[in-house]
């Protein structure tokens, strides 16, 4: 099984051009299955001996350990892809994971900051130190572009077009897209660059825009910790970097941007993924209406909550 995992990982890297995070997750999931089979079988696991019952037992054990439904669904998707690859390569005749049903996933609406909270969050990093200025530039870039955190840490000097207010992002599958970036975010980036001991205005185009304290490229986890630390000071508590992406999309929709434009900006393959923001915007509209309109809460008019349930 070890060799087939290595071959599959190579396929993901070379043919699928998968992101490092996807490759890391898939390798970990497959190694976890291998470990489970080693604990439950008397012989070393053979990939051509794995059955659908083995996979069910593996997923059941994870469920008993408290793994979330989203985690189980991701692991099953990984196994389907792995065995599908082995069938295509002629290693297996059938895919033992193909007919297994994924667990039902809840579909909560994404958490969205109010415009006031978003503005307050941008102001939390204070002081002239390079780290504070970097943190503010990162927050402004996440909120301004609606980018995924992995896309922001992947921005290089050559990706930024300050003259036109654009930045090139590399999304899922290494697909590139060019999105607008606001003047406030650009000014924050300029302030950060000027604060560095050796201003990197003439740096190589492939050099990372945002640096860690050792001078290397930031990781997604370090940015997530930074966002959590600052946002914990908000009334609603800490948020993830993805909440800034949700907030950007919802606030654009609130101000009249059309769904197609938001879809292009966020890099969604399907418009249905973008449409969830219409529900968030509607909820906010009803809440504002009920609070602000002088005739919204009379006896004959339903509240926003009642309207939703009806």
C-alpha atoms as a PDB file:
ATOM      1  CA  UNK A   1       0.000   0.000   0.000  1.00  0.00           C
ATOM      2  CA  UNK A   2       2.926   2.344   0.659  1.00  0.00           C
ATOM      3  CA  UNK A   3       3.994   2.283  -2.976  1.00  0.00           C
ATOM      4  CA  UNK A   4       0.487   2.950  -4.294  1.00  0.00           C
ATOM      5  CA  UNK A   5       0.162   5.952  -1.966  1.00  0.00           C
ATOM      6  CA  UNK A   6       3.464   7.348  -3.277  1.00  0.00           C
ATOM      7  CA  UNK A   7       2.339   6.813  -6.875  1.00  0.00           C
ATOM      8  CA  UNK A   8      -0.996   8.528  -6.197  1.00  0.00           C
ATOM      9  CA  UNK A   9       0.705  11.505  -4.541  1.00  0.00           C
ATOM     10  CA  UNK A  10       2.993  11.847  -7.556  1.00  0.00           C
ATOM     11  CA  UNK A  11      -0.085  11.821  -9.806  1.00  0.00           C
ATOM     12  CA  UNK A  12      -1.652  14.606  -7.740  1.00  0.00           C
ATOM     13  CA  UNK A  13       1.516  16.688  -7.984  1.00  0.00           C
ATOM     14  CA  UNK A  14       2.351  16.193 -11.655  1.00  0.00           C
ATOM     15  CA  UNK A  15      -0.930  15.575 -13.462  1.00  0.00           C
ATOM     16  CA  UNK A  16      -3.521  17.197 -11.237  1.00  0.00           C
ATOM     17  CA  UNK A  17      -1.295  20.116 -10.185  1.00  0.00           C
ATOM     18  CA  UNK A  18      -2.923  19.894  -6.758  1.00  0.00           C
ATOM     19  CA  UNK A  19      -2.082  22.403  -4.056  1.00  0.00           C
ATOM     20  CA  UNK A  20       0.424  21.455  -1.332  1.00  0.00           C
ATOM     21  CA  UNK A  21      -2.401  21.537   1.226  1.00  0.00           C
ATOM     22  CA  UNK A  22      -4.521  19.087  -0.805  1.00  0.00           C
ATOM     23  CA  UNK A  23      -1.550  16.757  -1.249  1.00  0.00           C
ATOM     24  CA  UNK A  24      -0.749  16.911   2.461  1.00  0.00           C
ATOM     25  CA  UNK A  25      -4.363  16.136   3.434  1.00  0.00           C
ATOM     26  CA  UNK A  26      -4.722  13.260   0.962  1.00  0.00           C
ATOM     27  CA  UNK A  27      -1.429  11.689   2.027  1.00  0.00           C
ATOM     28  CA  UNK A  28      -2.425  11.970   5.676  1.00  0.00           C
ATOM     29  CA  UNK A  29      -5.876  10.443   5.052  1.00  0.00           C
ATOM     30  CA  UNK A  30      -4.426   7.472   3.173  1.00  0.00           C
ATOM     31  CA  UNK A  31      -1.764   6.887   5.800  1.00  0.00           C
ATOM     32  CA  UNK A  32      -4.494   6.978   8.431  1.00  0.00           C
ATOM     33  CA  UNK A  33      -6.424   4.248   6.561  1.00  0.00           C
ATOM     34  CA  UNK A  34      -3.229   2.202   6.283  1.00  0.00           C
ATOM     35  CA  UNK A  35      -2.649   2.546  10.038  1.00  0.00           C
ATOM     36  CA  UNK A  36      -6.210   1.431  10.792  1.00  0.00           C
ATOM     37  CA  UNK A  37      -5.863  -1.647   8.594  1.00  0.00           C
ATOM     38  CA  UNK A  38      -2.546  -2.564  10.224  1.00  0.00           C
ATOM     39  CA  UNK A  39      -4.159  -2.435  13.654  1.00  0.00           C
ATOM     40  CA  UNK A  40      -7.153  -4.560  12.650  1.00  0.00           C
ATOM     41  CA  UNK A  41      -5.511  -7.143  10.392  1.00  0.00           C
ATOM     42  CA  UNK A  42      -2.933  -9.814  11.100  1.00  0.00           C
ATOM     43  CA  UNK A  43      -1.024  -9.199   7.857  1.00  0.00           C
ATOM     44  CA  UNK A  44       0.283  -6.057   6.192  1.00  0.00           C
ATOM     45  CA  UNK A  45      -2.572  -4.370   4.298  1.00  0.00           C
ATOM     46  CA  UNK A  46      -2.697  -5.059   0.575  1.00  0.00           C
ATOM     47  CA  UNK A  47      -4.442  -2.462  -1.548  1.00  0.00           C
ATOM     48  CA  UNK A  48      -6.086  -5.119  -3.724  1.00  0.00           C
ATOM     49  CA  UNK A  49      -7.586  -6.778  -0.629  1.00  0.00           C
ATOM     50  CA  UNK A  50      -9.376  -3.695   0.731  1.00  0.00           C
ATOM     51  CA  UNK A  51     -13.162  -4.042   0.651  1.00  0.00           C
ATOM     52  CA  UNK A  52     -16.046  -1.639   1.135  1.00  0.00           C
ATOM     53  CA  UNK A  53     -16.586  -3.241   4.561  1.00  0.00           C
ATOM     54  CA  UNK A  54     -13.024  -2.292   5.524  1.00  0.00           C
ATOM     55  CA  UNK A  55     -13.693   1.315   4.544  1.00  0.00           C
ATOM     56  CA  UNK A  56     -17.012   1.357   6.429  1.00  0.00           C
ATOM     57  CA  UNK A  57     -15.243   0.043   9.528  1.00  0.00           C
ATOM     58  CA  UNK A  58     -12.544   2.697   9.156  1.00  0.00           C
ATOM     59  CA  UNK A  59     -15.062   5.538   8.835  1.00  0.00           C
ATOM     60  CA  UNK A  60     -17.116   4.127  11.719  1.00  0.00           C
ATOM     61  CA  UNK A  61     -14.024   4.142  13.945  1.00  0.00           C
ATOM     62  CA  UNK A  62     -13.402   7.798  13.084  1.00  0.00           C
ATOM     63  CA  UNK A  63     -17.033   8.614  13.834  1.00  0.00           C
ATOM     64  CA  UNK A  64     -16.707   6.905  17.225  1.00  0.00           C
ATOM     65  CA  UNK A  65     -13.624   9.027  17.918  1.00  0.00           C
ATOM     66  CA  UNK A  66     -15.691  12.160  17.347  1.00  0.00           C
ATOM     67  CA  UNK A  67     -14.591  13.202  13.845  1.00  0.00           C
ATOM     68  CA  UNK A  68     -16.978  15.735  12.294  1.00  0.00           C
ATOM     69  CA  UNK A  69     -19.211  14.806   9.372  1.00  0.00           C
ATOM     70  CA  UNK A  70     -17.276  17.232   7.161  1.00  0.00           C
ATOM     71  CA  UNK A  71     -14.024  15.456   8.011  1.00  0.00           C
ATOM     72  CA  UNK A  72     -15.526  12.028   7.272  1.00  0.00           C
ATOM     73  CA  UNK A  73     -16.898  13.278   3.951  1.00  0.00           C
ATOM     74  CA  UNK A  74     -13.476  14.640   2.959  1.00  0.00           C
ATOM     75  CA  UNK A  75     -11.743  11.388   3.850  1.00  0.00           C
ATOM     76  CA  UNK A  76     -14.274   9.373   1.844  1.00  0.00           C
ATOM     77  CA  UNK A  77     -13.793  11.696  -1.133  1.00  0.00           C
ATOM     78  CA  UNK A  78     -10.038  11.115  -0.845  1.00  0.00           C
ATOM     79  CA  UNK A  79     -10.525   7.327  -0.833  1.00  0.00           C
ATOM     80  CA  UNK A  80     -12.851   7.469  -3.836  1.00  0.00           C
ATOM     81  CA  UNK A  81     -10.264   9.455  -5.762  1.00  0.00           C
ATOM     82  CA  UNK A  82      -7.442   7.119  -4.692  1.00  0.00           C
ATOM     83  CA  UNK A  83      -9.213   3.904  -5.677  1.00  0.00           C
ATOM     84  CA  UNK A  84     -10.563   5.463  -8.886  1.00  0.00           C
ATOM     85  CA  UNK A  85      -6.971   6.238  -9.840  1.00  0.00           C
ATOM     86  CA  UNK A  86      -5.914   2.626  -9.135  1.00  0.00           C
ATOM     87  CA  UNK A  87      -8.775   1.296 -11.275  1.00  0.00           C
ATOM     88  CA  UNK A  88      -7.734   3.589 -14.128  1.00  0.00           C
ATOM     89  CA  UNK A  89      -4.134   2.384 -13.776  1.00  0.00           C
ATOM     90  CA  UNK A  90      -5.238  -1.265 -13.899  1.00  0.00           C
ATOM     91  CA  UNK A  91      -4.162  -2.035 -10.321  1.00  0.00           C
ATOM     92  CA  UNK A  92      -7.765  -2.738  -9.242  1.00  0.00           C
ATOM     93  CA  UNK A  93     -10.822  -3.959 -11.106  1.00  0.00           C
ATOM     94  CA  UNK A  94     -13.383  -2.117  -8.978  1.00  0.00           C
ATOM     95  CA  UNK A  95     -13.488   0.863  -6.644  1.00  0.00           C
ATOM     96  CA  UNK A  96     -14.493  -0.317  -3.129  1.00  0.00           C
ATOM     97  CA  UNK A  97     -15.365   3.241  -2.040  1.00  0.00           C
ATOM     98  CA  UNK A  98     -17.493   4.174  -5.052  1.00  0.00           C
ATOM     99  CA  UNK A  99     -20.911   3.178  -3.689  1.00  0.00           C
ATOM    100  CA  UNK A 100     -20.441   4.319  -0.094  1.00  0.00           C
ATOM    101  CA  UNK A 101     -22.674   7.228   0.866  1.00  0.00           C
ATOM    102  CA  UNK A 102     -21.185  10.397   2.273  1.00  0.00           C
ATOM    103  CA  UNK A 103     -22.528  11.600   5.629  1.00  0.00           C
ATOM    104  CA  UNK A 104     -25.109  14.360   5.500  1.00  0.00           C
ATOM    105  CA  UNK A 105     -23.457  17.703   6.036  1.00  0.00           C
ATOM    106  CA  UNK A 106     -25.120  20.634   7.778  1.00  0.00           C
ATOM    107  CA  UNK A 107     -25.287  23.780   5.677  1.00  0.00           C
ATOM    108  CA  UNK A 108     -24.889  26.681   8.082  1.00  0.00           C
ATOM    109  CA  UNK A 109     -24.760  30.159   6.645  1.00  0.00           C
ATOM    110  CA  UNK A 110     -21.245  31.617   6.793  1.00  0.00           C
ATOM    111  CA  UNK A 111     -20.470  34.012   9.609  1.00  0.00           C
ATOM    112  CA  UNK A 112     -20.243  37.551   8.320  1.00  0.00           C
ATOM    113  CA  UNK A 113     -18.871  40.597  10.090  1.00  0.00           C
ATOM    114  CA  UNK A 114     -20.882  43.774  10.092  1.00  0.00           C
ATOM    115  CA  UNK A 115     -19.287  46.604   8.190  1.00  0.00           C
ATOM    116  CA  UNK A 116     -18.567  48.281  11.515  1.00  0.00           C
ATOM    117  CA  UNK A 117     -16.847  45.197  12.920  1.00  0.00           C
ATOM    118  CA  UNK A 118     -14.843  44.773   9.715  1.00  0.00           C
ATOM    119  CA  UNK A 119     -13.680  48.384   9.955  1.00  0.00           C
ATOM    120  CA  UNK A 120     -12.805  47.955  13.648  1.00  0.00           C
ATOM    121  CA  UNK A 121     -10.814  44.782  12.943  1.00  0.00           C
ATOM    122  CA  UNK A 122      -8.647  46.622  10.415  1.00  0.00           C
ATOM    123  CA  UNK A 123      -7.709  49.149  13.120  1.00  0.00           C
ATOM    124  CA  UNK A 124      -6.610  46.647  15.775  1.00  0.00           C
ATOM    125  CA  UNK A 125      -2.985  46.255  14.573  1.00  0.00           C
ATOM    126  CA  UNK A 126      -1.340  49.461  15.804  1.00  0.00           C
ATOM    127  CA  UNK A 127       2.178  50.825  16.052  1.00  0.00           C
ATOM    128  CA  UNK A 128       5.015  51.372  13.570  1.00  0.00           C
ATOM    129  CA  UNK A 129       6.666  47.956  13.878  1.00  0.00           C
ATOM    130  CA  UNK A 130       6.967  45.881  10.676  1.00  0.00           C
ATOM    131  CA  UNK A 131       4.906  43.058  12.224  1.00  0.00           C
ATOM    132  CA  UNK A 132       2.015  45.359  13.148  1.00  0.00           C
ATOM    133  CA  UNK A 133       2.067  47.000   9.730  1.00  0.00           C
ATOM    134  CA  UNK A 134       2.249  43.572   8.078  1.00  0.00           C
ATOM    135  CA  UNK A 135      -0.744  42.331  10.076  1.00  0.00           C
ATOM    136  CA  UNK A 136      -2.798  45.350   9.079  1.00  0.00           C
ATOM    137  CA  UNK A 137      -1.819  44.929   5.430  1.00  0.00           C
ATOM    138  CA  UNK A 138      -2.817  41.252   5.601  1.00  0.00           C
ATOM    139  CA  UNK A 139      -6.212  42.012   7.138  1.00  0.00           C
ATOM    140  CA  UNK A 140      -6.865  44.744   4.587  1.00  0.00           C
ATOM    141  CA  UNK A 141      -5.864  42.444   1.707  1.00  0.00           C
ATOM    142  CA  UNK A 142      -8.067  39.563   2.906  1.00  0.00           C
ATOM    143  CA  UNK A 143     -11.084  41.843   3.257  1.00  0.00           C
ATOM    144  CA  UNK A 144     -10.419  43.919   0.140  1.00  0.00           C
ATOM    145  CA  UNK A 145      -9.941  41.013  -2.269  1.00  0.00           C
ATOM    146  CA  UNK A 146     -12.132  38.292  -0.745  1.00  0.00           C
ATOM    147  CA  UNK A 147      -9.207  35.941  -1.292  1.00  0.00           C
ATOM    148  CA  UNK A 148      -8.691  32.618   0.421  1.00  0.00           C
ATOM    149  CA  UNK A 149      -5.940  32.712   3.026  1.00  0.00           C
ATOM    150  CA  UNK A 150      -3.863  30.292   0.922  1.00  0.00           C
ATOM    151  CA  UNK A 151      -4.109  32.719  -1.994  1.00  0.00           C
ATOM    152  CA  UNK A 152      -3.001  35.706   0.087  1.00  0.00           C
ATOM    153  CA  UNK A 153       0.095  33.993   1.502  1.00  0.00           C
ATOM    154  CA  UNK A 154       0.947  32.956  -2.060  1.00  0.00           C
ATOM    155  CA  UNK A 155       1.031  36.536  -3.395  1.00  0.00           C
ATOM    156  CA  UNK A 156       4.430  37.519  -4.800  1.00  0.00           C
ATOM    157  CA  UNK A 157       5.776  40.977  -5.581  1.00  0.00           C
ATOM    158  CA  UNK A 158       5.159  40.445  -9.269  1.00  0.00           C
ATOM    159  CA  UNK A 159       1.491  39.649  -8.666  1.00  0.00           C
ATOM    160  CA  UNK A 160       0.677  43.164  -7.477  1.00  0.00           C
ATOM    161  CA  UNK A 161      -0.265  45.845 -10.017  1.00  0.00           C
ATOM    162  CA  UNK A 162      -0.495  48.979  -7.887  1.00  0.00           C
ATOM    163  CA  UNK A 163      -1.013  51.274 -10.860  1.00  0.00           C
ATOM    164  CA  UNK A 164      -4.261  49.578 -11.893  1.00  0.00           C
ATOM    165  CA  UNK A 165      -5.312  48.399  -8.435  1.00  0.00           C
ATOM    166  CA  UNK A 166      -5.183  44.692  -9.308  1.00  0.00           C
ATOM    167  CA  UNK A 167      -3.615  41.566  -7.851  1.00  0.00           C
ATOM    168  CA  UNK A 168      -3.126  38.125  -9.360  1.00  0.00           C
ATOM    169  CA  UNK A 169      -4.243  35.231  -7.148  1.00  0.00           C
ATOM    170  CA  UNK A 170      -3.565  31.527  -7.567  1.00  0.00           C
ATOM    171  CA  UNK A 171      -6.578  29.559  -6.413  1.00  0.00           C
ATOM    172  CA  UNK A 172      -7.607  25.921  -6.283  1.00  0.00           C
ATOM    173  CA  UNK A 173      -5.903  23.807  -8.920  1.00  0.00           C
ATOM    174  CA  UNK A 174      -3.359  26.641  -9.348  1.00  0.00           C
ATOM    175  CA  UNK A 175      -5.880  28.536 -11.468  1.00  0.00           C
ATOM    176  CA  UNK A 176      -4.979  32.197 -11.729  1.00  0.00           C
ATOM    177  CA  UNK A 177      -7.426  35.081 -11.580  1.00  0.00           C
ATOM    178  CA  UNK A 178      -6.929  38.837 -11.395  1.00  0.00           C
ATOM    179  CA  UNK A 179      -9.072  40.717  -8.877  1.00  0.00           C
ATOM    180  CA  UNK A 180      -9.357  44.331  -7.715  1.00  0.00           C
ATOM    181  CA  UNK A 181      -7.604  45.461  -4.564  1.00  0.00           C
ATOM    182  CA  UNK A 182      -8.657  48.696  -2.869  1.00  0.00           C
ATOM    183  CA  UNK A 183      -6.616  51.824  -2.266  1.00  0.00           C
ATOM    184  CA  UNK A 184      -6.720  51.349   1.526  1.00  0.00           C
ATOM    185  CA  UNK A 185      -5.211  47.859   1.226  1.00  0.00           C
ATOM    186  CA  UNK A 186      -2.586  49.112  -1.235  1.00  0.00           C
ATOM    187  CA  UNK A 187      -1.612  51.924   1.141  1.00  0.00           C
ATOM    188  CA  UNK A 188      -1.313  49.416   3.997  1.00  0.00           C
ATOM    189  CA  UNK A 189       0.957  47.247   1.843  1.00  0.00           C
ATOM    190  CA  UNK A 190       3.120  50.256   0.953  1.00  0.00           C
ATOM    191  CA  UNK A 191       3.420  51.227   4.635  1.00  0.00           C
ATOM    192  CA  UNK A 192       4.470  47.685   5.483  1.00  0.00           C
ATOM    193  CA  UNK A 193       7.090  47.571   2.725  1.00  0.00           C
ATOM    194  CA  UNK A 194       8.566  50.890   3.793  1.00  0.00           C
ATOM    195  CA  UNK A 195       8.883  49.645   7.388  1.00  0.00           C
ATOM    196  CA  UNK A 196      11.244  46.817   6.497  1.00  0.00           C
ATOM    197  CA  UNK A 197      14.922  47.309   7.334  1.00  0.00           C
ATOM    198  CA  UNK A 198      15.887  46.880   3.703  1.00  0.00           C
ATOM    199  CA  UNK A 199      12.899  48.105   1.662  1.00  0.00           C
ATOM    200  CA  UNK A 200      12.208  45.390  -0.892  1.00  0.00           C
ATOM    201  CA  UNK A 201      10.907  47.656  -3.615  1.00  0.00           C
ATOM    202  CA  UNK A 202      13.369  46.134  -6.056  1.00  0.00           C
ATOM    203  CA  UNK A 203      12.897  42.581  -4.867  1.00  0.00           C
ATOM    204  CA  UNK A 204      12.569  39.706  -7.267  1.00  0.00           C
ATOM    205  CA  UNK A 205       9.128  39.337  -8.770  1.00  0.00           C
ATOM    206  CA  UNK A 206       8.826  35.818  -7.347  1.00  0.00           C
ATOM    207  CA  UNK A 207       9.629  36.918  -3.771  1.00  0.00           C
ATOM    208  CA  UNK A 208       6.747  36.618  -1.259  1.00  0.00           C
ATOM    209  CA  UNK A 209       4.906  39.837  -0.505  1.00  0.00           C
ATOM    210  CA  UNK A 210       4.156  38.979   3.138  1.00  0.00           C
ATOM    211  CA  UNK A 211       6.988  37.653   5.318  1.00  0.00           C
ATOM    212  CA  UNK A 212       7.185  35.838   8.625  1.00  0.00           C
ATOM    213  CA  UNK A 213       9.566  37.009  11.345  1.00  0.00           C
ATOM    214  CA  UNK A 214      12.368  34.888   9.832  1.00  0.00           C
ATOM    215  CA  UNK A 215      11.999  36.477   6.405  1.00  0.00           C
ATOM    216  CA  UNK A 216      10.265  33.517   4.749  1.00  0.00           C
ATOM    217  CA  UNK A 217       6.777  33.075   3.309  1.00  0.00           C
ATOM    218  CA  UNK A 218       3.915  33.039   5.793  1.00  0.00           C
ATOM    219  CA  UNK A 219       1.844  29.885   6.318  1.00  0.00           C
ATOM    220  CA  UNK A 220      -1.946  29.712   6.305  1.00  0.00           C
ATOM    221  CA  UNK A 221      -1.910  28.607   9.944  1.00  0.00           C
ATOM    222  CA  UNK A 222       0.097  31.589  11.114  1.00  0.00           C
ATOM    223  CA  UNK A 223      -2.323  33.946   9.338  1.00  0.00           C
ATOM    224  CA  UNK A 224      -5.293  32.110  10.883  1.00  0.00           C
ATOM    225  CA  UNK A 225      -3.770  32.556  14.343  1.00  0.00           C
ATOM    226  CA  UNK A 226      -3.163  36.245  13.650  1.00  0.00           C
ATOM    227  CA  UNK A 227      -6.763  36.835  12.491  1.00  0.00           C
ATOM    228  CA  UNK A 228      -8.113  34.927  15.491  1.00  0.00           C
ATOM    229  CA  UNK A 229      -5.973  36.948  17.905  1.00  0.00           C
ATOM    230  CA  UNK A 230      -7.175  40.327  16.648  1.00  0.00           C
ATOM    231  CA  UNK A 231     -10.804  39.345  16.018  1.00  0.00           C
ATOM    232  CA  UNK A 232     -11.174  37.900  19.538  1.00  0.00           C
ATOM    233  CA  UNK A 233     -11.501  41.544  20.624  1.00  0.00           C
ATOM    234  CA  UNK A 234     -14.748  41.888  18.647  1.00  0.00           C
ATOM    235  CA  UNK A 235     -18.063  41.570  20.483  1.00  0.00           C
ATOM    236  CA  UNK A 236     -18.950  38.394  18.564  1.00  0.00           C
ATOM    237  CA  UNK A 237     -15.610  36.731  19.287  1.00  0.00           C
ATOM    238  CA  UNK A 238     -12.852  35.356  17.094  1.00  0.00           C
ATOM    239  CA  UNK A 239     -13.328  34.569  13.409  1.00  0.00           C
ATOM    240  CA  UNK A 240     -11.309  32.729  10.793  1.00  0.00           C
ATOM    241  CA  UNK A 241      -9.736  34.336   7.705  1.00  0.00           C
ATOM    242  CA  UNK A 242     -12.590  32.803   5.695  1.00  0.00           C
ATOM    243  CA  UNK A 243     -15.018  35.071   7.534  1.00  0.00           C
ATOM    244  CA  UNK A 244     -13.314  38.047   5.883  1.00  0.00           C
ATOM    245  CA  UNK A 245     -13.889  36.388   2.502  1.00  0.00           C
ATOM    246  CA  UNK A 246     -17.572  35.897   3.360  1.00  0.00           C
ATOM    247  CA  UNK A 247     -17.806  39.470   4.628  1.00  0.00           C
ATOM    248  CA  UNK A 248     -16.252  40.896   1.469  1.00  0.00           C
ATOM    249  CA  UNK A 249     -18.740  39.029  -0.731  1.00  0.00           C
ATOM    250  CA  UNK A 250     -21.775  39.936   1.381  1.00  0.00           C
ATOM    251  CA  UNK A 251     -20.833  43.612   1.648  1.00  0.00           C
ATOM    252  CA  UNK A 252     -20.299  43.789  -2.115  1.00  0.00           C
ATOM    253  CA  UNK A 253     -23.741  42.264  -2.619  1.00  0.00           C
ATOM    254  CA  UNK A 254     -25.234  44.726  -0.130  1.00  0.00           C
ATOM    255  CA  UNK A 255     -23.789  47.607  -2.166  1.00  0.00           C
ATOM    256  CA  UNK A 256     -25.250  46.385  -5.455  1.00  0.00           C
ATOM    257  CA  UNK A 257     -22.581  44.120  -6.982  1.00  0.00           C
ATOM    258  CA  UNK A 258     -24.075  41.337  -9.120  1.00  0.00           C
ATOM    259  CA  UNK A 259     -23.595  37.658  -8.340  1.00  0.00           C
ATOM    260  CA  UNK A 260     -21.655  36.926 -11.529  1.00  0.00           C
ATOM    261  CA  UNK A 261     -19.052  39.560 -10.693  1.00  0.00           C
ATOM    262  CA  UNK A 262     -18.727  38.236  -7.141  1.00  0.00           C
ATOM    263  CA  UNK A 263     -18.420  34.686  -8.522  1.00  0.00           C
ATOM    264  CA  UNK A 264     -15.512  35.764 -10.731  1.00  0.00           C
ATOM    265  CA  UNK A 265     -13.850  37.657  -7.918  1.00  0.00           C
ATOM    266  CA  UNK A 266     -14.069  34.756  -5.450  1.00  0.00           C
ATOM    267  CA  UNK A 267     -13.049  32.162  -8.024  1.00  0.00           C
ATOM    268  CA  UNK A 268     -16.139  29.983  -7.539  1.00  0.00           C
ATOM    269  CA  UNK A 269     -16.568  27.341 -10.226  1.00  0.00           C
ATOM    270  CA  UNK A 270     -20.344  27.310  -9.748  1.00  0.00           C
ATOM    271  CA  UNK A 271     -22.749  30.201  -9.270  1.00  0.00           C
ATOM    272  CA  UNK A 272     -24.669  28.095  -6.734  1.00  0.00           C
ATOM    273  CA  UNK A 273     -21.692  28.402  -4.368  1.00  0.00           C
ATOM    274  CA  UNK A 274     -21.897  32.184  -4.588  1.00  0.00           C
ATOM    275  CA  UNK A 275     -25.677  32.257  -4.124  1.00  0.00           C
ATOM    276  CA  UNK A 276     -25.400  31.431  -0.421  1.00  0.00           C
ATOM    277  CA  UNK A 277     -24.452  35.074   0.109  1.00  0.00           C
ATOM    278  CA  UNK A 278     -27.898  36.155  -1.052  1.00  0.00           C
ATOM    279  CA  UNK A 279     -29.333  34.394   2.021  1.00  0.00           C
ATOM    280  CA  UNK A 280     -26.909  36.222   4.303  1.00  0.00           C
ATOM    281  CA  UNK A 281     -27.719  39.559   2.682  1.00  0.00           C
ATOM    282  CA  UNK A 282     -31.478  38.873   2.957  1.00  0.00           C
ATOM    283  CA  UNK A 283     -31.156  38.036   6.651  1.00  0.00           C
ATOM    284  CA  UNK A 284     -29.299  41.283   7.236  1.00  0.00           C
ATOM    285  CA  UNK A 285     -31.864  43.243   5.224  1.00  0.00           C
ATOM    286  CA  UNK A 286     -34.756  41.825   7.277  1.00  0.00           C
ATOM    287  CA  UNK A 287     -32.950  42.535  10.540  1.00  0.00           C
ATOM    288  CA  UNK A 288     -32.253  46.137   9.509  1.00  0.00           C
ATOM    289  CA  UNK A 289     -35.829  46.582   8.254  1.00  0.00           C
ATOM    290  CA  UNK A 290     -37.357  45.286  11.468  1.00  0.00           C
ATOM    291  CA  UNK A 291     -35.097  47.526  13.524  1.00  0.00           C
ATOM    292  CA  UNK A 292     -35.305  50.692  11.464  1.00  0.00           C
ATOM    293  CA  UNK A 293     -38.598  50.907   9.563  1.00  0.00           C
ATOM    294  CA  UNK A 294     -41.273  52.793  11.525  1.00  0.00           C
ATOM    295  CA  UNK A 295     -44.028  50.438  10.393  1.00  0.00           C
ATOM    296  CA  UNK A 296     -42.167  47.143  10.427  1.00  0.00           C
ATOM    297  CA  UNK A 297     -43.320  45.825  13.812  1.00  0.00           C
ATOM    298  CA  UNK A 298     -47.005  46.737  13.922  1.00  0.00           C
ATOM    299  CA  UNK A 299     -49.464  44.036  14.910  1.00  0.00           C
ATOM    300  CA  UNK A 300     -50.345  43.034  11.370  1.00  0.00           C
ATOM    301  CA  UNK A 301     -46.772  42.765  10.065  1.00  0.00           C
ATOM    302  CA  UNK A 302     -44.523  39.756  10.610  1.00  0.00           C
ATOM    303  CA  UNK A 303     -41.004  40.156  11.944  1.00  0.00           C
ATOM    304  CA  UNK A 304     -38.015  39.097   9.881  1.00  0.00           C
ATOM    305  CA  UNK A 305     -37.784  35.862  11.885  1.00  0.00           C
ATOM    306  CA  UNK A 306     -41.465  35.107  11.264  1.00  0.00           C
ATOM    307  CA  UNK A 307     -41.105  35.893   7.565  1.00  0.00           C
ATOM    308  CA  UNK A 308     -38.206  33.488   7.263  1.00  0.00           C
ATOM    309  CA  UNK A 309     -40.062  30.648   8.974  1.00  0.00           C
ATOM    310  CA  UNK A 310     -43.094  31.209   6.788  1.00  0.00           C
END
